[in-house]
Amino acid sequence: LYERRIIEARARSVDLSVSEYLREIGITG
């Protein structure tokens, strides 16, 4: 739950959905 909240907060901070955020991190790093 802690990791999920961090991921969601970081996605929100860069104005992306969680899906877009994880996809971008996974592809480009």
PDB file of all heavy atoms in Angstrom:
ATOM      1  N   LEU A   1       0.835  -1.197   0.000  1.00  0.00           N
ATOM      2  CA  LEU A   1       0.000   0.000   0.000  1.00  0.00           C
ATOM      3  C   LEU A   1       0.872   1.251   0.000  1.00  0.00           C
ATOM      4  O   LEU A   1       0.580   2.225  -0.705  1.00  0.00           O
ATOM      5  CB  LEU A   1      -0.938  -0.003   1.215  1.00  0.00           C
ATOM      6  CG  LEU A   1      -1.861   1.195   1.354  1.00  0.00           C
ATOM      7  CD1 LEU A   1      -2.782   1.304   0.141  1.00  0.00           C
ATOM      8  CD2 LEU A   1      -2.678   1.084   2.629  1.00  0.00           C
ATOM      9  N   TYR A   2       1.956   1.220   0.751  1.00  0.00           N
ATOM     10  CA  TYR A   2       2.891   2.340   0.811  1.00  0.00           C
ATOM     11  C   TYR A   2       3.485   2.625  -0.572  1.00  0.00           C
ATOM     12  O   TYR A   2       3.522   3.771  -1.021  1.00  0.00           O
ATOM     13  CB  TYR A   2       3.994   2.023   1.828  1.00  0.00           C
ATOM     14  CG  TYR A   2       5.068   3.075   1.918  1.00  0.00           C
ATOM     15  CD1 TYR A   2       4.811   4.295   2.524  1.00  0.00           C
ATOM     16  CD2 TYR A   2       6.332   2.836   1.389  1.00  0.00           C
ATOM     17  CE1 TYR A   2       5.801   5.260   2.608  1.00  0.00           C
ATOM     18  CE2 TYR A   2       7.328   3.797   1.473  1.00  0.00           C
ATOM     19  CZ  TYR A   2       7.055   5.017   2.078  1.00  0.00           C
ATOM     20  OH  TYR A   2       8.019   5.972   2.143  1.00  0.00           O
ATOM     21  N   GLU A   3       3.940   1.568  -1.263  1.00  0.00           N
ATOM     22  CA  GLU A   3       4.514   1.737  -2.604  1.00  0.00           C
ATOM     23  C   GLU A   3       3.463   2.262  -3.586  1.00  0.00           C
ATOM     24  O   GLU A   3       3.764   3.119  -4.426  1.00  0.00           O
ATOM     25  CB  GLU A   3       5.069   0.403  -3.100  1.00  0.00           C
ATOM     26  CG  GLU A   3       6.288  -0.077  -2.336  1.00  0.00           C
ATOM     27  CD  GLU A   3       6.645  -1.523  -2.652  1.00  0.00           C
ATOM     28  OE1 GLU A   3       5.741  -2.314  -2.987  1.00  0.00           O
ATOM     29  OE2 GLU A   3       7.841  -1.842  -2.573  1.00  0.00           O
ATOM     30  N   ARG A   4       2.256   1.766  -3.461  1.00  0.00           N
ATOM     31  CA  ARG A   4       1.176   2.218  -4.356  1.00  0.00           C
ATOM     32  C   ARG A   4       0.933   3.720  -4.195  1.00  0.00           C
ATOM     33  O   ARG A   4       0.799   4.450  -5.161  1.00  0.00           O
ATOM     34  CB  ARG A   4      -0.101   1.437  -4.051  1.00  0.00           C
ATOM     35  CG  ARG A   4      -1.266   1.884  -4.903  1.00  0.00           C
ATOM     36  CD  ARG A   4      -2.548   1.186  -4.526  1.00  0.00           C
ATOM     37  NE  ARG A   4      -3.619   1.645  -5.376  1.00  0.00           N
ATOM     38  CZ  ARG A   4      -4.500   0.857  -5.956  1.00  0.00           C
ATOM     39  NH1 ARG A   4      -4.460  -0.438  -5.761  1.00  0.00           N
ATOM     40  NH2 ARG A   4      -5.439   1.362  -6.711  1.00  0.00           N
ATOM     41  N   ARG A   5       0.879   4.160  -2.942  1.00  0.00           N
ATOM     42  CA  ARG A   5       0.636   5.587  -2.680  1.00  0.00           C
ATOM     43  C   ARG A   5       1.779   6.443  -3.242  1.00  0.00           C
ATOM     44  O   ARG A   5       1.544   7.529  -3.769  1.00  0.00           O
ATOM     45  CB  ARG A   5       0.473   5.816  -1.184  1.00  0.00           C
ATOM     46  CG  ARG A   5      -0.737   5.115  -0.601  1.00  0.00           C
ATOM     47  CD  ARG A   5      -1.835   6.090  -0.253  1.00  0.00           C
ATOM     48  NE  ARG A   5      -3.096   5.424   0.019  1.00  0.00           N
ATOM     49  CZ  ARG A   5      -3.528   5.071   1.214  1.00  0.00           C
ATOM     50  NH1 ARG A   5      -2.770   5.305   2.269  1.00  0.00           N
ATOM     51  NH2 ARG A   5      -4.695   4.505   1.357  1.00  0.00           N
ATOM     52  N   ILE A   6       3.000   5.961  -3.130  1.00  0.00           N
ATOM     53  CA  ILE A   6       4.152   6.703  -3.674  1.00  0.00           C
ATOM     54  C   ILE A   6       4.028   6.797  -5.194  1.00  0.00           C
ATOM     55  O   ILE A   6       4.216   7.868  -5.778  1.00  0.00           O
ATOM     56  CB  ILE A   6       5.486   6.036  -3.261  1.00  0.00           C
ATOM     57  CG1 ILE A   6       5.724   6.217  -1.770  1.00  0.00           C
ATOM     58  CG2 ILE A   6       6.648   6.607  -4.076  1.00  0.00           C
ATOM     59  CD1 ILE A   6       6.923   5.461  -1.245  1.00  0.00           C
ATOM     60  N   ILE A   7       3.729   5.679  -5.848  1.00  0.00           N
ATOM     61  CA  ILE A   7       3.594   5.663  -7.312  1.00  0.00           C
ATOM     62  C   ILE A   7       2.484   6.608  -7.756  1.00  0.00           C
ATOM     63  O   ILE A   7       2.653   7.402  -8.683  1.00  0.00           O
ATOM     64  CB  ILE A   7       3.347   4.228  -7.828  1.00  0.00           C
ATOM     65  CG1 ILE A   7       4.592   3.366  -7.623  1.00  0.00           C
ATOM     66  CG2 ILE A   7       2.929   4.234  -9.287  1.00  0.00           C
ATOM     67  CD1 ILE A   7       4.365   1.878  -7.847  1.00  0.00           C
ATOM     68  N   GLU A   8       1.337   6.550  -7.076  1.00  0.00           N
ATOM     69  CA  GLU A   8       0.210   7.416  -7.435  1.00  0.00           C
ATOM     70  C   GLU A   8       0.560   8.888  -7.226  1.00  0.00           C
ATOM     71  O   GLU A   8       0.223   9.738  -8.054  1.00  0.00           O
ATOM     72  CB  GLU A   8      -1.032   7.043  -6.621  1.00  0.00           C
ATOM     73  CG  GLU A   8      -1.637   5.720  -7.039  1.00  0.00           C
ATOM     74  CD  GLU A   8      -2.742   5.235  -6.107  1.00  0.00           C
ATOM     75  OE1 GLU A   8      -2.854   5.753  -4.967  1.00  0.00           O
ATOM     76  OE2 GLU A   8      -3.491   4.330  -6.531  1.00  0.00           O
ATOM     77  N   ALA A   9       1.265   9.197  -6.130  1.00  0.00           N
ATOM     78  CA  ALA A   9       1.642  10.586  -5.857  1.00  0.00           C
ATOM     79  C   ALA A   9       2.617  11.106  -6.909  1.00  0.00           C
ATOM     80  O   ALA A   9       2.493  12.240  -7.375  1.00  0.00           O
ATOM     81  CB  ALA A   9       2.253  10.696  -4.462  1.00  0.00           C
ATOM     82  N   ARG A  10       3.586  10.277  -7.281  1.00  0.00           N
ATOM     83  CA  ARG A  10       4.554  10.703  -8.305  1.00  0.00           C
ATOM     84  C   ARG A  10       3.889  10.885  -9.664  1.00  0.00           C
ATOM     85  O   ARG A  10       4.227  11.803 -10.407  1.00  0.00           O
ATOM     86  CB  ARG A  10       5.700   9.695  -8.398  1.00  0.00           C
ATOM     87  CG  ARG A  10       6.621   9.772  -7.209  1.00  0.00           C
ATOM     88  CD  ARG A  10       7.787   8.837  -7.340  1.00  0.00           C
ATOM     89  NE  ARG A  10       8.648   8.925  -6.166  1.00  0.00           N
ATOM     90  CZ  ARG A  10       9.663   8.132  -5.940  1.00  0.00           C
ATOM     91  NH1 ARG A  10       9.966   7.177  -6.796  1.00  0.00           N
ATOM     92  NH2 ARG A  10      10.388   8.287  -4.857  1.00  0.00           N
ATOM     93  N   ALA A  11       2.951  10.024  -9.994  1.00  0.00           N
ATOM     94  CA  ALA A  11       2.218  10.163 -11.258  1.00  0.00           C
ATOM     95  C   ALA A  11       1.414  11.454 -11.251  1.00  0.00           C
ATOM     96  O   ALA A  11       1.386  12.198 -12.241  1.00  0.00           O
ATOM     97  CB  ALA A  11       1.295   8.963 -11.474  1.00  0.00           C
ATOM     98  N   ARG A  12       0.770  11.746 -10.121  1.00  0.00           N
ATOM     99  CA  ARG A  12      -0.008  12.979  -9.995  1.00  0.00           C
ATOM    100  C   ARG A  12       0.902  14.203 -10.096  1.00  0.00           C
ATOM    101  O   ARG A  12       0.537  15.208 -10.710  1.00  0.00           O
ATOM    102  CB  ARG A  12      -0.736  12.986  -8.649  1.00  0.00           C
ATOM    103  CG  ARG A  12      -2.174  13.332  -8.724  1.00  0.00           C
ATOM    104  CD  ARG A  12      -2.903  13.384  -7.393  1.00  0.00           C
ATOM    105  NE  ARG A  12      -2.243  12.889  -6.195  1.00  0.00           N
ATOM    106  CZ  ARG A  12      -2.368  11.665  -5.711  1.00  0.00           C
ATOM    107  NH1 ARG A  12      -3.130  10.783  -6.317  1.00  0.00           N
ATOM    108  NH2 ARG A  12      -1.739  11.308  -4.620  1.00  0.00           N
ATOM    109  N   SER A  13       2.092  14.125  -9.525  1.00  0.00           N
ATOM    110  CA  SER A  13       3.005  15.279  -9.519  1.00  0.00           C
ATOM    111  C   SER A  13       3.488  15.643 -10.920  1.00  0.00           C
ATOM    112  O   SER A  13       3.830  16.793 -11.173  1.00  0.00           O
ATOM    113  CB  SER A  13       4.202  15.011  -8.612  1.00  0.00           C
ATOM    114  OG  SER A  13       5.088  14.087  -9.215  1.00  0.00           O
ATOM    115  N   VAL A  14       3.527  14.673 -11.827  1.00  0.00           N
ATOM    116  CA  VAL A  14       3.935  14.973 -13.208  1.00  0.00           C
ATOM    117  C   VAL A  14       2.728  15.005 -14.145  1.00  0.00           C
ATOM    118  O   VAL A  14       2.873  14.993 -15.362  1.00  0.00           O
ATOM    119  CB  VAL A  14       5.004  13.977 -13.735  1.00  0.00           C
ATOM    120  CG1 VAL A  14       6.307  14.181 -13.004  1.00  0.00           C
ATOM    121  CG2 VAL A  14       4.536  12.553 -13.659  1.00  0.00           C
ATOM    122  N   ASP A  15       1.527  15.033 -13.548  1.00  0.00           N
ATOM    123  CA  ASP A  15       0.273  15.175 -14.309  1.00  0.00           C
ATOM    124  C   ASP A  15       0.071  14.044 -15.315  1.00  0.00           C
ATOM    125  O   ASP A  15      -0.258  14.274 -16.472  1.00  0.00           O
ATOM    126  CB  ASP A  15       0.231  16.546 -14.993  1.00  0.00           C
ATOM    127  CG  ASP A  15      -1.169  16.939 -15.399  1.00  0.00           C
ATOM    128  OD1 ASP A  15      -2.123  16.458 -14.771  1.00  0.00           O
ATOM    129  OD2 ASP A  15      -1.314  17.719 -16.359  1.00  0.00           O
ATOM    130  N   LEU A  16       0.305  12.809 -14.856  1.00  0.00           N
ATOM    131  CA  LEU A  16       0.086  11.617 -15.674  1.00  0.00           C
ATOM    132  C   LEU A  16      -0.814  10.650 -14.915  1.00  0.00           C
ATOM    133  O   LEU A  16      -0.871  10.691 -13.688  1.00  0.00           O
ATOM    134  CB  LEU A  16       1.407  10.906 -15.988  1.00  0.00           C
ATOM    135  CG  LEU A  16       2.394  11.590 -16.915  1.00  0.00           C
ATOM    136  CD1 LEU A  16       3.696  10.803 -16.959  1.00  0.00           C
ATOM    137  CD2 LEU A  16       1.833  11.734 -18.308  1.00  0.00           C
ATOM    138  N   SER A  17      -1.480   9.779 -15.654  1.00  0.00           N
ATOM    139  CA  SER A  17      -2.196   8.685 -14.989  1.00  0.00           C
ATOM    140  C   SER A  17      -1.146   7.679 -14.526  1.00  0.00           C
ATOM    141  O   SER A  17      -0.002   7.690 -14.991  1.00  0.00           O
ATOM    142  CB  SER A  17      -3.175   8.025 -15.955  1.00  0.00           C
ATOM    143  OG  SER A  17      -2.474   7.322 -16.954  1.00  0.00           O
ATOM    144  N   VAL A  18      -1.534   6.817 -13.602  1.00  0.00           N
ATOM    145  CA  VAL A  18      -0.595   5.806 -13.099  1.00  0.00           C
ATOM    146  C   VAL A  18      -0.124   4.925 -14.255  1.00  0.00           C
ATOM    147  O   VAL A  18       1.058   4.599 -14.360  1.00  0.00           O
ATOM    148  CB  VAL A  18      -1.251   4.963 -11.973  1.00  0.00           C
ATOM    149  CG1 VAL A  18      -0.355   3.796 -11.583  1.00  0.00           C
ATOM    150  CG2 VAL A  18      -1.547   5.832 -10.769  1.00  0.00           C
ATOM    151  N   SER A  19      -1.043   4.566 -15.136  1.00  0.00           N
ATOM    152  CA  SER A  19      -0.692   3.725 -16.274  1.00  0.00           C
ATOM    153  C   SER A  19       0.342   4.408 -17.169  1.00  0.00           C
ATOM    154  O   SER A  19       1.347   3.812 -17.549  1.00  0.00           O
ATOM    155  CB  SER A  19      -1.959   3.404 -17.068  1.00  0.00           C
ATOM    156  OG  SER A  19      -1.670   2.617 -18.181  1.00  0.00           O
ATOM    157  N   GLU A  20       0.102   5.680 -17.494  1.00  0.00           N
ATOM    158  CA  GLU A  20       1.060   6.416 -18.339  1.00  0.00           C
ATOM    159  C   GLU A  20       2.403   6.567 -17.640  1.00  0.00           C
ATOM    160  O   GLU A  20       3.459   6.438 -18.261  1.00  0.00           O
ATOM    161  CB  GLU A  20       0.504   7.805 -18.672  1.00  0.00           C
ATOM    162  CG  GLU A  20      -0.676   7.793 -19.613  1.00  0.00           C
ATOM    163  CD  GLU A  20      -1.314   9.164 -19.748  1.00  0.00           C
ATOM    164  OE1 GLU A  20      -1.437   9.877 -18.737  1.00  0.00           O
ATOM    165  OE2 GLU A  20      -1.682   9.520 -20.885  1.00  0.00           O
ATOM    166  N   TYR A  21       2.358   6.849 -16.345  1.00  0.00           N
ATOM    167  CA  TYR A  21       3.585   7.021 -15.563  1.00  0.00           C
ATOM    168  C   TYR A  21       4.432   5.752 -15.576  1.00  0.00           C
ATOM    169  O   TYR A  21       5.620   5.782 -15.888  1.00  0.00           O
ATOM    170  CB  TYR A  21       3.223   7.420 -14.130  1.00  0.00           C
ATOM    171  CG  TYR A  21       4.403   7.549 -13.208  1.00  0.00           C
ATOM    172  CD1 TYR A  21       5.203   8.683 -13.233  1.00  0.00           C
ATOM    173  CD2 TYR A  21       4.723   6.538 -12.305  1.00  0.00           C
ATOM    174  CE1 TYR A  21       6.292   8.806 -12.389  1.00  0.00           C
ATOM    175  CE2 TYR A  21       5.805   6.657 -11.452  1.00  0.00           C
ATOM    176  CZ  TYR A  21       6.588   7.786 -11.501  1.00  0.00           C
ATOM    177  OH  TYR A  21       7.667   7.901 -10.672  1.00  0.00           O
ATOM    178  N   LEU A  22       3.806   4.614 -15.248  1.00  0.00           N
ATOM    179  CA  LEU A  22       4.555   3.350 -15.211  1.00  0.00           C
ATOM    180  C   LEU A  22       5.069   2.955 -16.597  1.00  0.00           C
ATOM    181  O   LEU A  22       6.183   2.445 -16.734  1.00  0.00           O
ATOM    182  CB  LEU A  22       3.692   2.244 -14.615  1.00  0.00           C
ATOM    183  CG  LEU A  22       3.377   2.381 -13.123  1.00  0.00           C
ATOM    184  CD1 LEU A  22       2.400   1.302 -12.687  1.00  0.00           C
ATOM    185  CD2 LEU A  22       4.646   2.335 -12.291  1.00  0.00           C
ATOM    186  N   ARG A  23       4.258   3.202 -17.623  1.00  0.00           N
ATOM    187  CA  ARG A  23       4.684   2.883 -18.989  1.00  0.00           C
ATOM    188  C   ARG A  23       5.908   3.720 -19.376  1.00  0.00           C
ATOM    189  O   ARG A  23       6.884   3.208 -19.912  1.00  0.00           O
ATOM    190  CB  ARG A  23       3.523   3.142 -19.959  1.00  0.00           C
ATOM    191  CG  ARG A  23       3.755   2.599 -21.338  1.00  0.00           C
ATOM    192  CD  ARG A  23       2.588   2.822 -22.292  1.00  0.00           C
ATOM    193  NE  ARG A  23       1.292   2.529 -21.709  1.00  0.00           N
ATOM    194  CZ  ARG A  23       0.335   3.439 -21.492  1.00  0.00           C
ATOM    195  NH1 ARG A  23       0.527   4.690 -21.808  1.00  0.00           N
ATOM    196  NH2 ARG A  23      -0.816   3.092 -20.968  1.00  0.00           N
ATOM    197  N   GLU A  24       5.869   5.001 -19.060  1.00  0.00           N
ATOM    198  CA  GLU A  24       6.982   5.898 -19.400  1.00  0.00           C
ATOM    199  C   GLU A  24       8.252   5.527 -18.639  1.00  0.00           C
ATOM    200  O   GLU A  24       9.336   5.474 -19.211  1.00  0.00           O
ATOM    201  CB  GLU A  24       6.571   7.345 -19.095  1.00  0.00           C
ATOM    202  CG  GLU A  24       7.510   8.383 -19.625  1.00  0.00           C
ATOM    203  CD  GLU A  24       7.497   8.512 -21.132  1.00  0.00           C
ATOM    204  OE1 GLU A  24       6.484   8.161 -21.769  1.00  0.00           O
ATOM    205  OE2 GLU A  24       8.521   8.960 -21.688  1.00  0.00           O
ATOM    206  N   ILE A  25       8.113   5.241 -17.351  1.00  0.00           N
ATOM    207  CA  ILE A  25       9.276   4.831 -16.544  1.00  0.00           C
ATOM    208  C   ILE A  25       9.841   3.521 -17.075  1.00  0.00           C
ATOM    209  O   ILE A  25      11.055   3.348 -17.189  1.00  0.00           O
ATOM    210  CB  ILE A  25       8.869   4.670 -15.058  1.00  0.00           C
ATOM    211  CG1 ILE A  25       8.697   6.016 -14.393  1.00  0.00           C
ATOM    212  CG2 ILE A  25       9.877   3.843 -14.287  1.00  0.00           C
ATOM    213  CD1 ILE A  25       9.972   6.755 -14.113  1.00  0.00           C
ATOM    214  N   GLY A  26       8.973   2.591 -17.413  1.00  0.00           N
ATOM    215  CA  GLY A  26       9.432   1.278 -17.882  1.00  0.00           C
ATOM    216  C   GLY A  26      10.120   1.343 -19.235  1.00  0.00           C
ATOM    217  O   GLY A  26      11.080   0.619 -19.482  1.00  0.00           O
ATOM    218  N   ILE A  27       9.654   2.212 -20.113  1.00  0.00           N
ATOM    219  CA  ILE A  27      10.216   2.276 -21.465  1.00  0.00           C
ATOM    220  C   ILE A  27      11.449   3.168 -21.526  1.00  0.00           C
ATOM    221  O   ILE A  27      12.481   2.782 -22.069  1.00  0.00           O
ATOM    222  CB  ILE A  27       9.148   2.758 -22.473  1.00  0.00           C
ATOM    223  CG1 ILE A  27       8.052   1.690 -22.590  1.00  0.00           C
ATOM    224  CG2 ILE A  27       9.757   3.052 -23.833  1.00  0.00           C
ATOM    225  CD1 ILE A  27       6.856   2.134 -23.399  1.00  0.00           C
ATOM    226  N   THR A  28      11.371   4.374 -20.962  1.00  0.00           N
ATOM    227  CA  THR A  28      12.483   5.325 -21.101  1.00  0.00           C
ATOM    228  C   THR A  28      13.347   5.418 -19.858  1.00  0.00           C
ATOM    229  O   THR A  28      14.471   5.895 -19.931  1.00  0.00           O
ATOM    230  CB  THR A  28      11.956   6.737 -21.434  1.00  0.00           C
ATOM    231  OG1 THR A  28      11.176   7.215 -20.338  1.00  0.00           O
ATOM    232  CG2 THR A  28      11.141   6.736 -22.701  1.00  0.00           C
ATOM    233  N   GLY A  29      12.810   5.009 -18.715  1.00  0.00           N
ATOM    234  CA  GLY A  29      13.581   5.087 -17.480  1.00  0.00           C
ATOM    235  C   GLY A  29      13.551   6.461 -16.838  1.00  0.00           C
ATOM    236  O   GLY A  29      14.174   6.677 -15.809  1.00  0.00           O
TER     237      GLY A  29
END
